[in-house]
C-alpha atoms as a PDB file:
ATOM      1  CA  UNK A   1       1.746   5.229  14.499  1.00  0.00           C
ATOM      2  CA  UNK A   2       2.273   2.168  12.605  1.00  0.00           C
ATOM      3  CA  UNK A   3       1.169   0.509  10.401  1.00  0.00           C
ATOM      4  CA  UNK A   4      -0.931  -2.745   9.211  1.00  0.00           C
ATOM      5  CA  UNK A   5       1.326  -4.975   7.825  1.00  0.00           C
ATOM      6  CA  UNK A   6      -1.129  -4.992   4.873  1.00  0.00           C
ATOM      7  CA  UNK A   7      -0.533  -1.314   4.041  1.00  0.00           C
ATOM      8  CA  UNK A   8       2.773  -1.983   3.755  1.00  0.00           C
ATOM      9  CA  UNK A   9       2.158  -5.034   1.794  1.00  0.00           C
ATOM     10  CA  UNK A  10      -0.672  -2.747  -0.538  1.00  0.00           C
ATOM     11  CA  UNK A  11       1.764   1.054  -0.530  1.00  0.00           C
ATOM     12  CA  UNK A  12       4.888  -1.797  -2.303  1.00  0.00           C
ATOM     13  CA  UNK A  13       2.694  -3.068  -4.603  1.00  0.00           C
ATOM     14  CA  UNK A  14       1.587   0.586  -5.748  1.00  0.00           C
ATOM     15  CA  UNK A  15       5.701   1.575  -5.311  1.00  0.00           C
ATOM     16  CA  UNK A  16       6.758  -2.044  -8.118  1.00  0.00           C
ATOM     17  CA  UNK A  17       4.235  -1.427 -10.299  1.00  0.00           C
ATOM     18  CA  UNK A  18       4.165   2.592 -10.327  1.00  0.00           C
ATOM     19  CA  UNK A  19       7.292   1.478 -12.444  1.00  0.00           C
ATOM     20  CA  UNK A  20       6.331  -1.283 -14.286  1.00  0.00           C
ATOM     21  CA  UNK A  21       7.233  -1.029 -18.446  1.00  0.00           C
ATOM     22  CA  UNK A  22       4.668   0.342 -20.614  1.00  0.00           C
ATOM     23  CA  UNK A  23       3.418  -3.580 -21.019  1.00  0.00           C
ATOM     24  CA  UNK A  24       4.672  -4.920 -19.107  1.00  0.00           C
ATOM     25  CA  UNK A  25       2.452  -6.684 -16.953  1.00  0.00           C
ATOM     26  CA  UNK A  26       3.353  -8.664 -13.545  1.00  0.00           C
ATOM     27  CA  UNK A  27       1.257 -11.714 -12.314  1.00  0.00           C
ATOM     28  CA  UNK A  28      -0.140 -11.034  -8.316  1.00  0.00           C
ATOM     29  CA  UNK A  29       2.482 -14.506  -8.167  1.00  0.00           C
ATOM     30  CA  UNK A  30       5.713 -12.108  -9.388  1.00  0.00           C
ATOM     31  CA  UNK A  31       4.687  -9.715  -7.495  1.00  0.00           C
ATOM     32  CA  UNK A  32       4.478 -11.612  -3.979  1.00  0.00           C
ATOM     33  CA  UNK A  33       7.720 -13.220  -4.991  1.00  0.00           C
ATOM     34  CA  UNK A  34       9.128  -9.759  -6.180  1.00  0.00           C
ATOM     35  CA  UNK A  35       8.179  -8.307  -2.703  1.00  0.00           C
ATOM     36  CA  UNK A  36       9.305 -10.796  -0.197  1.00  0.00           C
ATOM     37  CA  UNK A  37       5.141 -11.724   0.667  1.00  0.00           C
ATOM     38  CA  UNK A  38       3.118 -15.045   1.034  1.00  0.00           C
ATOM     39  CA  UNK A  39       1.083 -15.183  -2.633  1.00  0.00           C
ATOM     40  CA  UNK A  40      -2.106 -14.805   0.039  1.00  0.00           C
ATOM     41  CA  UNK A  41      -1.570 -11.159   1.591  1.00  0.00           C
ATOM     42  CA  UNK A  42       0.006 -10.126  -1.987  1.00  0.00           C
ATOM     43  CA  UNK A  43      -3.052 -11.535  -3.535  1.00  0.00           C
ATOM     44  CA  UNK A  44      -5.797 -10.482  -0.390  1.00  0.00           C
ATOM     45  CA  UNK A  45      -4.089  -6.383  -1.059  1.00  0.00           C
ATOM     46  CA  UNK A  46      -4.860  -6.495  -5.520  1.00  0.00           C
ATOM     47  CA  UNK A  47      -8.297  -7.709  -4.704  1.00  0.00           C
ATOM     48  CA  UNK A  48      -8.860  -4.525  -2.494  1.00  0.00           C
ATOM     49  CA  UNK A  49      -6.606  -2.002  -4.563  1.00  0.00           C
ATOM     50  CA  UNK A  50      -8.737  -2.890  -7.669  1.00  0.00           C
ATOM     51  CA  UNK A  51     -11.883  -2.570  -5.704  1.00  0.00           C
ATOM     52  CA  UNK A  52     -10.223   1.289  -3.896  1.00  0.00           C
ATOM     53  CA  UNK A  53      -9.366   1.453  -8.484  1.00  0.00           C
ATOM     54  CA  UNK A  54      -5.827   1.918  -8.140  1.00  0.00           C
ATOM     55  CA  UNK A  55      -4.300  -0.998  -8.977  1.00  0.00           C
ATOM     56  CA  UNK A  56      -6.437  -3.699 -12.391  1.00  0.00           C
ATOM     57  CA  UNK A  57      -6.857  -6.618 -12.522  1.00  0.00           C
ATOM     58  CA  UNK A  58      -6.770  -8.520 -15.953  1.00  0.00           C
ATOM     59  CA  UNK A  59      -6.937 -12.145 -15.120  1.00  0.00           C
ATOM     60  CA  UNK A  60      -5.676 -15.560 -17.734  1.00  0.00           C
ATOM     61  CA  UNK A  61      -3.758 -15.611 -20.474  1.00  0.00           C
ATOM     62  CA  UNK A  62      -2.066 -12.396 -21.026  1.00  0.00           C
ATOM     63  CA  UNK A  63      -3.692 -10.783 -18.012  1.00  0.00           C
ATOM     64  CA  UNK A  64      -2.217  -9.384 -15.341  1.00  0.00           C
ATOM     65  CA  UNK A  65      -1.362  -6.160 -12.713  1.00  0.00           C
ATOM     66  CA  UNK A  66      -1.455  -2.553 -13.706  1.00  0.00           C
ATOM     67  CA  UNK A  67      -0.973   0.431 -12.466  1.00  0.00           C
ATOM     68  CA  UNK A  68      -4.097   3.023 -12.862  1.00  0.00           C
ATOM     69  CA  UNK A  69      -4.395   6.426 -13.763  1.00  0.00           C
ATOM     70  CA  UNK A  70      -5.611   7.248 -10.173  1.00  0.00           C
ATOM     71  CA  UNK A  71      -3.700   4.840  -8.521  1.00  0.00           C
ATOM     72  CA  UNK A  72      -0.506   6.860 -10.067  1.00  0.00           C
ATOM     73  CA  UNK A  73      -2.354  10.099  -8.927  1.00  0.00           C
ATOM     74  CA  UNK A  74      -3.648   9.397  -5.583  1.00  0.00           C
ATOM     75  CA  UNK A  75      -0.815  10.757  -2.849  1.00  0.00           C
ATOM     76  CA  UNK A  76       0.084   7.733  -0.491  1.00  0.00           C
ATOM     77  CA  UNK A  77      -2.245   9.886   2.868  1.00  0.00           C
ATOM     78  CA  UNK A  78      -5.457   8.860   0.283  1.00  0.00           C
ATOM     79  CA  UNK A  79      -3.911   5.757   0.070  1.00  0.00           C
ATOM     80  CA  UNK A  80      -3.017   4.582   3.676  1.00  0.00           C
ATOM     81  CA  UNK A  81      -6.651   6.510   5.664  1.00  0.00           C
ATOM     82  CA  UNK A  82      -8.357   4.302   3.039  1.00  0.00           C
ATOM     83  CA  UNK A  83      -6.546   0.924   3.860  1.00  0.00           C
ATOM     84  CA  UNK A  84      -5.493   1.761   7.851  1.00  0.00           C
ATOM     85  CA  UNK A  85      -9.404   2.684   7.977  1.00  0.00           C
ATOM     86  CA  UNK A  86     -10.863   4.791  10.558  1.00  0.00           C
ATOM     87  CA  UNK A  87     -10.728   2.405  13.676  1.00  0.00           C
ATOM     88  CA  UNK A  88     -10.035   2.950  17.134  1.00  0.00           C
ATOM     89  CA  UNK A  89      -6.751   2.949  17.885  1.00  0.00           C
ATOM     90  CA  UNK A  90      -7.363   2.835  21.667  1.00  0.00           C
ATOM     91  CA  UNK A  91      -9.390  -0.008  22.083  1.00  0.00           C
ATOM     92  CA  UNK A  92     -12.582   2.114  23.489  1.00  0.00           C
ATOM     93  CA  UNK A  93     -14.989   0.646  22.209  1.00  0.00           C
ATOM     94  CA  UNK A  94     -13.915  -3.079  23.210  1.00  0.00           C
ATOM     95  CA  UNK A  95     -15.453  -5.580  24.591  1.00  0.00           C
ATOM     96  CA  UNK A  96     -16.043  -4.287  28.298  1.00  0.00           C
ATOM     97  CA  UNK A  97     -15.984  -1.115  26.465  1.00  0.00           C
ATOM     98  CA  UNK A  98     -13.564   1.400  28.171  1.00  0.00           C
ATOM     99  CA  UNK A  99     -15.031   2.847  31.108  1.00  0.00           C
ATOM    100  CA  UNK A 100     -13.268   6.290  30.838  1.00  0.00           C
ATOM    101  CA  UNK A 101     -14.271   6.707  26.940  1.00  0.00           C
ATOM    102  CA  UNK A 102     -17.215   9.725  27.844  1.00  0.00           C
ATOM    103  CA  UNK A 103     -15.495  11.670  29.056  1.00  0.00           C
ATOM    104  CA  UNK A 104     -11.205  10.908  27.923  1.00  0.00           C
ATOM    105  CA  UNK A 105      -9.138  13.105  26.418  1.00  0.00           C
ATOM    106  CA  UNK A 106      -6.917  10.365  25.138  1.00  0.00           C
ATOM    107  CA  UNK A 107      -9.563   9.338  21.990  1.00  0.00           C
ATOM    108  CA  UNK A 108      -9.705  12.562  20.546  1.00  0.00           C
ATOM    109  CA  UNK A 109      -5.773  13.517  21.575  1.00  0.00           C
ATOM    110  CA  UNK A 110      -5.164  10.282  19.337  1.00  0.00           C
ATOM    111  CA  UNK A 111      -7.720  11.207  16.298  1.00  0.00           C
ATOM    112  CA  UNK A 112      -5.627  13.686  15.664  1.00  0.00           C
ATOM    113  CA  UNK A 113      -2.007  12.886  16.327  1.00  0.00           C
ATOM    114  CA  UNK A 114      -3.812  10.260  13.380  1.00  0.00           C
ATOM    115  CA  UNK A 115      -4.733  12.185  11.103  1.00  0.00           C
ATOM    116  CA  UNK A 116      -1.667  15.300  11.124  1.00  0.00           C
ATOM    117  CA  UNK A 117      -0.411  11.874  10.912  1.00  0.00           C
ATOM    118  CA  UNK A 118      -2.474  11.305   7.899  1.00  0.00           C
ATOM    119  CA  UNK A 119      -2.168  14.763   6.601  1.00  0.00           C
ATOM    120  CA  UNK A 120       1.751  14.893   5.917  1.00  0.00           C
ATOM    121  CA  UNK A 121       1.198  12.056   3.462  1.00  0.00           C
ATOM    122  CA  UNK A 122      -1.200  13.832   1.518  1.00  0.00           C
ATOM    123  CA  UNK A 123       1.159  16.048   0.405  1.00  0.00           C
ATOM    124  CA  UNK A 124       3.499  12.939  -0.860  1.00  0.00           C
ATOM    125  CA  UNK A 125       2.705  11.428  -4.556  1.00  0.00           C
ATOM    126  CA  UNK A 126       3.777   8.133  -5.495  1.00  0.00           C
ATOM    127  CA  UNK A 127       5.187   8.929  -7.756  1.00  0.00           C
ATOM    128  CA  UNK A 128       7.407  10.855  -5.955  1.00  0.00           C
ATOM    129  CA  UNK A 129       8.100   7.535  -3.554  1.00  0.00           C
ATOM    130  CA  UNK A 130       9.595   6.035  -7.027  1.00  0.00           C
ATOM    131  CA  UNK A 131      12.133   8.117  -7.625  1.00  0.00           C
ATOM    132  CA  UNK A 132      15.608   7.839  -8.302  1.00  0.00           C
ATOM    133  CA  UNK A 133      16.889   5.470  -6.650  1.00  0.00           C
ATOM    134  CA  UNK A 134      14.110   3.347  -5.697  1.00  0.00           C
ATOM    135  CA  UNK A 135      12.629   3.676  -9.368  1.00  0.00           C
ATOM    136  CA  UNK A 136      16.190   1.845 -10.302  1.00  0.00           C
ATOM    137  CA  UNK A 137      16.148  -0.812  -7.277  1.00  0.00           C
ATOM    138  CA  UNK A 138      12.486  -1.483  -8.780  1.00  0.00           C
ATOM    139  CA  UNK A 139      12.738  -2.400 -11.327  1.00  0.00           C
ATOM    140  CA  UNK A 140      15.566  -4.504 -10.664  1.00  0.00           C
ATOM    141  CA  UNK A 141      13.930  -7.167  -8.707  1.00  0.00           C
ATOM    142  CA  UNK A 142      13.598 -10.500  -9.918  1.00  0.00           C
ATOM    143  CA  UNK A 143      10.650 -12.753  -9.350  1.00  0.00           C
ATOM    144  CA  UNK A 144      12.294 -14.318  -5.728  1.00  0.00           C
ATOM    145  CA  UNK A 145      12.898 -10.711  -4.272  1.00  0.00           C
ATOM    146  CA  UNK A 146      16.618 -10.786  -5.098  1.00  0.00           C
ATOM    147  CA  UNK A 147      18.020  -7.631  -7.274  1.00  0.00           C
ATOM    148  CA  UNK A 148      19.384  -8.521 -10.325  1.00  0.00           C
ATOM    149  CA  UNK A 149      23.260  -8.693 -10.635  1.00  0.00           C
ATOM    150  CA  UNK A 150      25.056  -5.978 -13.050  1.00  0.00           C
ATOM    151  CA  UNK A 151      22.526  -4.557 -14.524  1.00  0.00           C
ATOM    152  CA  UNK A 152      23.460  -3.127 -17.933  1.00  0.00           C
END
């Protein structure tokens, strides 16, 4: 299974926000630069994650992005499941619809495979994604996406 680019961007943002220092608020633009993502893509991810209650996005002076407690506690499986949705993997309902859909076993097999994929991610926490050495890499990213050289 391949994740959409949207889910990838969203997970990168959650990971970066999970390692933010106390009081550190990133702007959407900063996060986009750090994670090498177009600003418009990052803005859509921020909006969706905020809608899901995983990210708090405050506008204006002193505003920025913060991972909520729900975001911190979420499993990667739950996040991916919500972002990817329950769409058809094989295009059974395309226009025109597949003529085999009424008696097809592939659709069920693909659904079961997707669920197994999600279940395997249910045991992965956001916090486990950002443990060392990933934590250091994420915290050292600059706004242009490059790592800080020789941190002391």
